[in-house]
Amino acid sequence: MLAVLFVVGTLCPLNFAALDISLLDPRSDGVLTAIFSDAFLLRFPNCTTYGDKKAEVLYQILKTDQNQTASFTVPNCNDKQASRGYLLNKLQNGTSYSVWYKIGDETSSNLTNSTIPVTNFSQINDGLPARSGAMVVITVILAVAMVVLLAGLIFLMFFSG
């Protein structure tokens, strides 16, 4: 019986597979990352089955009941965009989301992932405190010494002969 299932499984085309959802893979899809501080780069649904159909991306912040939706048209297989992914943006940084596709009556499984947490730029310590009093004194002494040196050089040029 198991052998029959393997034969039927290999002969059955993948067009009848369930609607799946995943992020683009940096190793095989040629992207640097699929997770950003405010976005996900999702793989388009199968273009042979769902090409030129209206699709919705439903996403929800985990631990809340607030669902949000974004709509797009699945590119057909001849389109250059078919190899690219859908950018789900305007998300909150450092937040966990549950994301799924809905095309017609079909709904994909849930994809759970988190955006990258980012520190606000005004909270970053650059490690450069203001000048100390000693640095100001040293700077003034060096500036006065430079003026004296230049004045001495000019004096020697005129009166040396």
N, C-alpha and C. Protein backbone atom coordinates (compact mmCIF):
# COMPACT_ATOMS: atom_id res chain seq x y z
N MET A 1 0.82 -1.19 0.00
CA MET A 1 0.00 0.00 0.00
C MET A 1 0.86 1.25 0.00
N LEU A 2 1.97 1.22 0.76
CA LEU A 2 2.87 2.36 0.82
C LEU A 2 3.51 2.63 -0.53
N ALA A 3 3.84 1.57 -1.26
CA ALA A 3 4.44 1.74 -2.59
C ALA A 3 3.45 2.40 -3.54
N VAL A 4 2.18 2.06 -3.45
CA VAL A 4 1.16 2.67 -4.30
C VAL A 4 1.05 4.16 -3.99
N LEU A 5 1.10 4.51 -2.72
CA LEU A 5 1.04 5.93 -2.35
C LEU A 5 2.24 6.71 -2.88
N PHE A 6 3.43 6.10 -2.86
CA PHE A 6 4.61 6.76 -3.41
C PHE A 6 4.47 6.97 -4.92
N VAL A 7 3.97 5.98 -5.63
CA VAL A 7 3.79 6.09 -7.08
C VAL A 7 2.75 7.15 -7.40
N VAL A 8 1.63 7.14 -6.71
CA VAL A 8 0.58 8.13 -6.96
C VAL A 8 1.09 9.52 -6.58
N GLY A 9 1.87 9.61 -5.50
CA GLY A 9 2.40 10.90 -5.06
C GLY A 9 3.37 11.50 -6.07
N THR A 10 4.17 10.66 -6.73
CA THR A 10 5.11 11.18 -7.72
C THR A 10 4.43 11.51 -9.04
N LEU A 11 3.36 10.81 -9.36
CA LEU A 11 2.65 11.08 -10.62
C LEU A 11 1.68 12.24 -10.50
N CYS A 12 1.24 12.54 -9.31
CA CYS A 12 0.29 13.63 -9.10
C CYS A 12 1.01 14.97 -9.31
N PRO A 13 0.52 15.83 -10.16
CA PRO A 13 1.21 17.11 -10.37
C PRO A 13 1.10 18.01 -9.15
N LEU A 14 2.06 18.91 -9.01
CA LEU A 14 2.08 19.80 -7.86
C LEU A 14 1.03 20.89 -7.95
N ASN A 15 0.32 21.00 -9.08
CA ASN A 15 -0.74 22.01 -9.20
C ASN A 15 -1.86 21.76 -8.21
N PHE A 16 -2.00 20.55 -7.75
CA PHE A 16 -3.07 20.23 -6.83
C PHE A 16 -2.64 20.38 -5.38
N ALA A 17 -1.43 20.87 -5.17
CA ALA A 17 -0.94 21.08 -3.81
C ALA A 17 -1.68 22.25 -3.18
N ALA A 18 -1.70 22.26 -1.88
CA ALA A 18 -2.39 23.32 -1.17
C ALA A 18 -1.65 24.65 -1.34
N LEU A 19 -2.39 25.73 -1.18
CA LEU A 19 -1.82 27.07 -1.26
C LEU A 19 -0.82 27.24 -0.13
N ASP A 20 0.44 27.53 -0.48
CA ASP A 20 1.44 27.66 0.57
C ASP A 20 1.96 29.09 0.62
N ILE A 21 2.55 29.44 1.74
CA ILE A 21 3.12 30.77 1.95
C ILE A 21 4.47 30.61 2.60
N SER A 22 5.45 31.41 2.13
CA SER A 22 6.78 31.37 2.72
C SER A 22 7.50 32.66 2.37
N LEU A 23 8.58 32.91 3.09
CA LEU A 23 9.43 34.05 2.79
C LEU A 23 10.40 33.66 1.68
N LEU A 24 10.88 34.64 0.92
CA LEU A 24 11.91 34.35 -0.06
C LEU A 24 13.17 33.89 0.65
N ASP A 25 13.90 32.99 0.04
CA ASP A 25 15.09 32.40 0.65
C ASP A 25 16.34 33.10 0.11
N PRO A 26 17.18 33.66 0.98
CA PRO A 26 18.38 34.35 0.50
C PRO A 26 19.34 33.45 -0.28
N ARG A 27 19.39 32.16 0.03
CA ARG A 27 20.32 31.27 -0.68
C ARG A 27 19.85 30.95 -2.09
N SER A 28 18.57 30.71 -2.29
CA SER A 28 18.11 30.27 -3.60
C SER A 28 17.43 31.36 -4.43
N ASP A 29 16.94 32.42 -3.79
CA ASP A 29 16.19 33.44 -4.52
C ASP A 29 17.00 34.70 -4.81
N GLY A 30 18.23 34.77 -4.35
CA GLY A 30 19.09 35.90 -4.67
C GLY A 30 18.75 37.19 -3.95
N VAL A 31 18.14 37.11 -2.78
CA VAL A 31 17.87 38.31 -1.99
C VAL A 31 18.80 38.31 -0.78
N LEU A 32 19.10 39.50 -0.26
CA LEU A 32 19.96 39.56 0.92
C LEU A 32 19.23 39.06 2.15
N THR A 33 17.98 39.48 2.29
CA THR A 33 17.16 39.04 3.41
C THR A 33 15.70 39.17 3.03
N ALA A 34 14.84 38.41 3.69
CA ALA A 34 13.41 38.51 3.45
C ALA A 34 12.70 39.13 4.64
N ILE A 35 13.47 39.47 5.68
CA ILE A 35 12.89 40.07 6.89
C ILE A 35 13.56 41.42 7.11
N PHE A 36 12.75 42.47 7.19
CA PHE A 36 13.25 43.82 7.40
C PHE A 36 12.70 44.35 8.73
N SER A 37 13.04 45.59 9.05
CA SER A 37 12.55 46.17 10.30
C SER A 37 11.07 46.52 10.20
N ASP A 38 10.56 46.72 8.99
CA ASP A 38 9.15 47.09 8.84
C ASP A 38 8.48 46.36 7.68
N ALA A 39 9.04 45.22 7.23
CA ALA A 39 8.46 44.52 6.07
C ALA A 39 8.90 43.06 6.04
N PHE A 40 8.12 42.28 5.29
CA PHE A 40 8.46 40.90 4.93
C PHE A 40 8.45 40.80 3.41
N LEU A 41 9.33 39.98 2.85
CA LEU A 41 9.36 39.71 1.42
C LEU A 41 8.83 38.30 1.21
N LEU A 42 7.54 38.21 0.82
CA LEU A 42 6.86 36.92 0.70
C LEU A 42 6.98 36.37 -0.70
N ARG A 43 7.09 35.06 -0.80
CA ARG A 43 7.11 34.40 -2.10
C ARG A 43 5.70 34.43 -2.69
N PHE A 44 5.60 34.76 -3.99
CA PHE A 44 4.30 34.75 -4.65
C PHE A 44 3.73 33.33 -4.67
N PRO A 45 2.40 33.19 -4.68
CA PRO A 45 1.80 31.86 -4.86
C PRO A 45 2.18 31.29 -6.23
N ASN A 46 1.97 30.00 -6.41
CA ASN A 46 2.32 29.30 -7.64
C ASN A 46 1.67 29.98 -8.85
N CYS A 47 2.49 30.40 -9.83
CA CYS A 47 1.96 31.16 -10.97
C CYS A 47 1.18 30.28 -11.95
N THR A 48 1.46 28.98 -12.01
CA THR A 48 0.72 28.13 -12.93
C THR A 48 -0.71 27.92 -12.46
N THR A 49 -0.92 27.89 -11.17
CA THR A 49 -2.26 27.67 -10.63
C THR A 49 -3.00 28.98 -10.39
N TYR A 50 -2.29 29.99 -9.86
CA TYR A 50 -2.96 31.20 -9.41
C TYR A 50 -2.59 32.44 -10.22
N GLY A 51 -1.92 32.28 -11.37
CA GLY A 51 -1.51 33.41 -12.18
C GLY A 51 -2.69 34.29 -12.60
N ASP A 52 -2.51 35.61 -12.54
CA ASP A 52 -3.50 36.63 -12.91
C ASP A 52 -4.76 36.59 -12.04
N LYS A 53 -4.68 36.02 -10.87
CA LYS A 53 -5.83 36.01 -9.95
C LYS A 53 -5.59 37.03 -8.85
N LYS A 54 -6.68 37.60 -8.36
CA LYS A 54 -6.60 38.53 -7.24
C LYS A 54 -6.32 37.74 -5.97
N ALA A 55 -5.40 38.25 -5.17
CA ALA A 55 -5.03 37.59 -3.93
C ALA A 55 -5.02 38.62 -2.81
N GLU A 56 -5.19 38.13 -1.61
CA GLU A 56 -5.12 38.98 -0.43
C GLU A 56 -4.09 38.40 0.52
N VAL A 57 -3.36 39.29 1.14
CA VAL A 57 -2.46 38.90 2.22
C VAL A 57 -3.11 39.38 3.49
N LEU A 58 -3.44 38.47 4.36
CA LEU A 58 -4.02 38.82 5.66
C LEU A 58 -2.93 38.67 6.69
N TYR A 59 -2.80 39.64 7.56
CA TYR A 59 -1.79 39.56 8.60
C TYR A 59 -2.32 40.13 9.90
N GLN A 60 -1.79 39.57 10.97
CA GLN A 60 -2.28 39.90 12.30
C GLN A 60 -1.09 39.98 13.25
N ILE A 61 -1.08 41.02 14.07
CA ILE A 61 -0.08 41.10 15.12
C ILE A 61 -0.43 40.03 16.15
N LEU A 62 0.54 39.20 16.48
CA LEU A 62 0.26 38.15 17.45
C LEU A 62 -0.14 38.76 18.79
N LYS A 63 -0.98 38.09 19.50
CA LYS A 63 -1.53 38.50 20.80
C LYS A 63 -2.52 39.65 20.67
N THR A 64 -2.99 39.94 19.46
CA THR A 64 -4.07 40.92 19.27
C THR A 64 -5.09 40.30 18.33
N ASP A 65 -6.24 40.92 18.24
CA ASP A 65 -7.28 40.43 17.34
C ASP A 65 -7.43 41.31 16.11
N GLN A 66 -6.49 42.19 15.87
CA GLN A 66 -6.58 43.14 14.77
C GLN A 66 -6.02 42.53 13.49
N ASN A 67 -6.91 42.21 12.53
CA ASN A 67 -6.49 41.69 11.23
C ASN A 67 -6.37 42.84 10.24
N GLN A 68 -5.36 42.78 9.39
CA GLN A 68 -5.19 43.75 8.32
C GLN A 68 -5.02 43.02 7.02
N THR A 69 -5.34 43.71 5.90
CA THR A 69 -5.34 43.07 4.60
C THR A 69 -4.60 43.92 3.58
N ALA A 70 -3.91 43.27 2.67
CA ALA A 70 -3.29 43.91 1.51
C ALA A 70 -3.64 43.07 0.30
N SER A 71 -3.98 43.71 -0.81
CA SER A 71 -4.39 42.99 -2.03
C SER A 71 -3.36 43.15 -3.13
N PHE A 72 -3.25 42.14 -3.98
CA PHE A 72 -2.37 42.20 -5.15
C PHE A 72 -2.86 41.18 -6.17
N THR A 73 -2.33 41.24 -7.37
CA THR A 73 -2.62 40.27 -8.41
C THR A 73 -1.40 39.37 -8.57
N VAL A 74 -1.62 38.07 -8.54
CA VAL A 74 -0.52 37.12 -8.70
C VAL A 74 -0.02 37.20 -10.13
N PRO A 75 1.27 37.45 -10.36
CA PRO A 75 1.77 37.55 -11.73
C PRO A 75 1.73 36.19 -12.42
N ASN A 76 1.54 36.22 -13.76
CA ASN A 76 1.54 34.96 -14.49
C ASN A 76 2.98 34.50 -14.71
N CYS A 77 3.16 33.30 -15.20
CA CYS A 77 4.50 32.71 -15.30
C CYS A 77 5.37 33.39 -16.35
N ASN A 78 4.76 34.08 -17.33
CA ASN A 78 5.54 34.75 -18.35
C ASN A 78 6.06 36.11 -17.88
N ASP A 79 5.52 36.60 -16.80
CA ASP A 79 5.88 37.90 -16.28
C ASP A 79 7.25 37.84 -15.60
N LYS A 80 8.06 38.89 -15.77
CA LYS A 80 9.38 38.93 -15.14
C LYS A 80 9.26 39.03 -13.63
N GLN A 81 8.12 39.53 -13.14
CA GLN A 81 7.91 39.69 -11.71
C GLN A 81 7.63 38.36 -11.01
N ALA A 82 7.37 37.31 -11.77
CA ALA A 82 6.97 36.03 -11.17
C ALA A 82 8.06 35.47 -10.26
N SER A 83 9.32 35.77 -10.56
CA SER A 83 10.40 35.24 -9.72
C SER A 83 10.61 36.08 -8.47
N ARG A 84 10.07 37.29 -8.47
CA ARG A 84 10.21 38.15 -7.30
C ARG A 84 9.13 37.84 -6.29
N GLY A 85 9.18 38.55 -5.20
CA GLY A 85 8.19 38.32 -4.16
C GLY A 85 7.35 39.55 -3.90
N TYR A 86 6.39 39.37 -3.04
CA TYR A 86 5.50 40.46 -2.65
C TYR A 86 6.04 41.09 -1.37
N LEU A 87 6.22 42.41 -1.38
CA LEU A 87 6.73 43.12 -0.22
C LEU A 87 5.57 43.58 0.64
N LEU A 88 5.41 42.94 1.77
CA LEU A 88 4.39 43.33 2.75
C LEU A 88 5.04 44.33 3.69
N ASN A 89 4.72 45.62 3.52
CA ASN A 89 5.42 46.65 4.27
C ASN A 89 4.49 47.40 5.19
N LYS A 90 5.01 48.44 5.80
CA LYS A 90 4.31 49.27 6.80
C LYS A 90 3.94 48.46 8.04
N LEU A 91 4.87 47.62 8.47
CA LEU A 91 4.70 46.84 9.69
C LEU A 91 5.45 47.53 10.83
N GLN A 92 5.23 47.08 12.04
CA GLN A 92 5.93 47.63 13.20
C GLN A 92 7.22 46.85 13.44
N ASN A 93 8.28 47.57 13.80
CA ASN A 93 9.54 46.85 14.00
C ASN A 93 9.53 46.07 15.32
N GLY A 94 10.22 44.94 15.31
CA GLY A 94 10.32 44.10 16.49
C GLY A 94 9.01 43.45 16.92
N THR A 95 8.09 43.23 15.97
CA THR A 95 6.77 42.70 16.29
C THR A 95 6.57 41.36 15.60
N SER A 96 5.91 40.43 16.28
CA SER A 96 5.60 39.12 15.69
C SER A 96 4.28 39.18 14.95
N TYR A 97 4.27 38.61 13.74
CA TYR A 97 3.08 38.62 12.90
C TYR A 97 2.72 37.20 12.47
N SER A 98 1.44 37.01 12.24
CA SER A 98 0.94 35.80 11.60
C SER A 98 0.39 36.23 10.25
N VAL A 99 0.89 35.63 9.17
CA VAL A 99 0.57 36.06 7.81
C VAL A 99 0.03 34.87 7.03
N TRP A 100 -0.99 35.09 6.17
CA TRP A 100 -1.50 34.04 5.31
C TRP A 100 -2.10 34.64 4.06
N TYR A 101 -2.13 33.83 2.98
CA TYR A 101 -2.73 34.22 1.71
C TYR A 101 -4.17 33.76 1.66
N LYS A 102 -4.98 34.49 0.88
CA LYS A 102 -6.33 34.05 0.58
C LYS A 102 -6.59 34.38 -0.89
N ILE A 103 -6.85 33.31 -1.67
CA ILE A 103 -7.18 33.46 -3.09
C ILE A 103 -8.49 32.74 -3.32
N GLY A 104 -9.53 33.51 -3.63
CA GLY A 104 -10.86 32.92 -3.78
C GLY A 104 -11.31 32.34 -2.47
N ASP A 105 -11.64 31.04 -2.48
CA ASP A 105 -12.06 30.35 -1.26
C ASP A 105 -10.90 29.63 -0.56
N GLU A 106 -9.73 29.64 -1.19
CA GLU A 106 -8.58 28.93 -0.62
C GLU A 106 -7.80 29.84 0.32
N THR A 107 -7.38 29.27 1.43
CA THR A 107 -6.57 30.00 2.40
C THR A 107 -5.33 29.17 2.70
N SER A 108 -4.19 29.83 2.75
CA SER A 108 -2.94 29.12 3.02
C SER A 108 -2.79 28.87 4.52
N SER A 109 -1.78 28.14 4.85
CA SER A 109 -1.45 27.96 6.26
C SER A 109 -0.84 29.26 6.79
N ASN A 110 -0.74 29.38 8.09
CA ASN A 110 -0.19 30.59 8.70
C ASN A 110 1.33 30.56 8.68
N LEU A 111 1.91 31.71 8.40
CA LEU A 111 3.35 31.91 8.51
C LEU A 111 3.57 32.86 9.68
N THR A 112 4.30 32.41 10.68
CA THR A 112 4.56 33.24 11.85
C THR A 112 6.01 33.68 11.83
N ASN A 113 6.22 35.01 11.89
CA ASN A 113 7.58 35.54 11.85
C ASN A 113 7.60 36.90 12.52
N SER A 114 8.79 37.38 12.83
CA SER A 114 8.95 38.68 13.50
C SER A 114 9.79 39.61 12.66
N THR A 115 9.45 40.89 12.70
CA THR A 115 10.28 41.88 12.06
C THR A 115 11.50 42.14 12.93
N ILE A 116 12.53 42.74 12.36
CA ILE A 116 13.78 42.97 13.06
C ILE A 116 13.62 44.16 14.01
N PRO A 117 14.00 44.00 15.28
CA PRO A 117 13.93 45.15 16.19
C PRO A 117 15.03 46.16 15.88
N VAL A 118 14.65 47.43 15.86
CA VAL A 118 15.59 48.50 15.53
C VAL A 118 15.57 49.55 16.64
N THR A 119 16.73 50.05 17.01
CA THR A 119 16.84 51.10 18.03
C THR A 119 16.64 52.46 17.38
N ASN A 120 15.92 53.33 18.05
CA ASN A 120 15.72 54.69 17.57
C ASN A 120 17.08 55.39 17.52
N PHE A 121 17.35 56.14 16.45
CA PHE A 121 18.66 56.74 16.27
C PHE A 121 19.01 57.73 17.37
N SER A 122 18.03 58.37 17.97
CA SER A 122 18.32 59.35 19.02
C SER A 122 18.73 58.67 20.33
N GLN A 123 18.52 57.37 20.46
CA GLN A 123 18.89 56.65 21.67
C GLN A 123 20.27 55.98 21.57
N ILE A 124 20.93 56.12 20.44
CA ILE A 124 22.23 55.49 20.25
C ILE A 124 23.31 56.37 20.89
N ASN A 125 24.15 55.79 21.73
CA ASN A 125 25.24 56.51 22.37
C ASN A 125 26.42 56.50 21.42
N ASP A 126 26.83 57.68 20.95
CA ASP A 126 27.95 57.73 20.01
C ASP A 126 29.30 57.71 20.70
N GLY A 127 29.35 57.83 22.02
CA GLY A 127 30.59 57.69 22.77
C GLY A 127 31.52 58.88 22.67
N LEU A 128 31.06 60.02 22.17
CA LEU A 128 31.90 61.20 22.05
C LEU A 128 31.38 62.30 22.95
N PRO A 129 31.91 62.39 24.18
CA PRO A 129 31.46 63.45 25.08
C PRO A 129 32.02 64.80 24.63
N ALA A 130 31.56 65.87 25.25
CA ALA A 130 32.04 67.21 24.92
C ALA A 130 33.52 67.33 25.28
N ARG A 131 34.15 68.38 24.78
CA ARG A 131 35.58 68.59 25.05
C ARG A 131 35.80 68.89 26.53
N SER A 132 36.87 68.34 27.04
CA SER A 132 37.21 68.62 28.44
C SER A 132 37.99 69.94 28.50
N GLY A 133 38.14 70.48 29.71
CA GLY A 133 38.88 71.73 29.90
C GLY A 133 40.33 71.61 29.48
N ALA A 134 40.93 70.45 29.73
CA ALA A 134 42.34 70.25 29.37
C ALA A 134 42.53 70.29 27.86
N MET A 135 41.59 69.74 27.12
CA MET A 135 41.70 69.77 25.65
C MET A 135 41.61 71.20 25.14
N VAL A 136 40.76 72.02 25.75
CA VAL A 136 40.63 73.41 25.33
C VAL A 136 41.94 74.15 25.60
N VAL A 137 42.55 73.94 26.77
CA VAL A 137 43.81 74.61 27.11
C VAL A 137 44.91 74.19 26.15
N ILE A 138 45.02 72.90 25.87
CA ILE A 138 46.05 72.41 24.94
C ILE A 138 45.83 73.00 23.55
N THR A 139 44.60 73.08 23.08
CA THR A 139 44.31 73.64 21.77
C THR A 139 44.70 75.12 21.71
N VAL A 140 44.42 75.88 22.75
CA VAL A 140 44.78 77.31 22.77
C VAL A 140 46.30 77.47 22.78
N ILE A 141 47.00 76.68 23.57
CA ILE A 141 48.47 76.76 23.62
C ILE A 141 49.07 76.45 22.25
N LEU A 142 48.56 75.39 21.60
CA LEU A 142 49.09 75.04 20.28
C LEU A 142 48.79 76.12 19.24
N ALA A 143 47.63 76.74 19.32
CA ALA A 143 47.29 77.80 18.37
C ALA A 143 48.19 79.02 18.58
N VAL A 144 48.45 79.40 19.83
CA VAL A 144 49.33 80.53 20.12
C VAL A 144 50.76 80.21 19.68
N ALA A 145 51.20 78.99 19.92
CA ALA A 145 52.54 78.59 19.49
C ALA A 145 52.68 78.65 17.97
N MET A 146 51.64 78.27 17.23
CA MET A 146 51.68 78.33 15.77
C MET A 146 51.79 79.78 15.30
N VAL A 147 51.07 80.70 15.94
CA VAL A 147 51.13 82.12 15.57
C VAL A 147 52.53 82.67 15.85
N VAL A 148 53.09 82.32 16.99
CA VAL A 148 54.45 82.79 17.33
C VAL A 148 55.46 82.23 16.34
N LEU A 149 55.31 80.97 15.96
CA LEU A 149 56.23 80.36 14.99
C LEU A 149 56.13 81.04 13.64
N LEU A 150 54.94 81.32 13.17
CA LEU A 150 54.77 81.99 11.87
C LEU A 150 55.31 83.42 11.92
N ALA A 151 55.07 84.12 13.03
CA ALA A 151 55.59 85.48 13.16
C ALA A 151 57.12 85.46 13.17
N GLY A 152 57.73 84.50 13.86
CA GLY A 152 59.19 84.38 13.87
C GLY A 152 59.73 84.06 12.49
N LEU A 153 59.05 83.20 11.71
CA LEU A 153 59.48 82.86 10.37
C LEU A 153 59.44 84.08 9.46
N ILE A 154 58.37 84.85 9.55
CA ILE A 154 58.24 86.07 8.74
C ILE A 154 59.32 87.08 9.15
N PHE A 155 59.58 87.23 10.44
CA PHE A 155 60.60 88.15 10.93
C PHE A 155 61.98 87.77 10.38
N LEU A 156 62.29 86.45 10.39
CA LEU A 156 63.59 86.01 9.89
C LEU A 156 63.73 86.22 8.39
N MET A 157 62.64 86.09 7.65
CA MET A 157 62.71 86.25 6.19
C MET A 157 63.02 87.72 5.84
N PHE A 158 62.47 88.69 6.59
CA PHE A 158 62.68 90.09 6.26
C PHE A 158 64.03 90.63 6.77
N PHE A 159 64.48 90.16 7.92
CA PHE A 159 65.66 90.76 8.53
C PHE A 159 66.91 89.90 8.43
N SER A 160 66.87 88.79 7.70
CA SER A 160 68.05 87.94 7.62
C SER A 160 68.93 88.34 6.46
N GLY A 161 68.48 89.13 5.60
CA GLY A 161 69.43 89.63 4.68
C GLY A 161 69.24 89.57 3.27
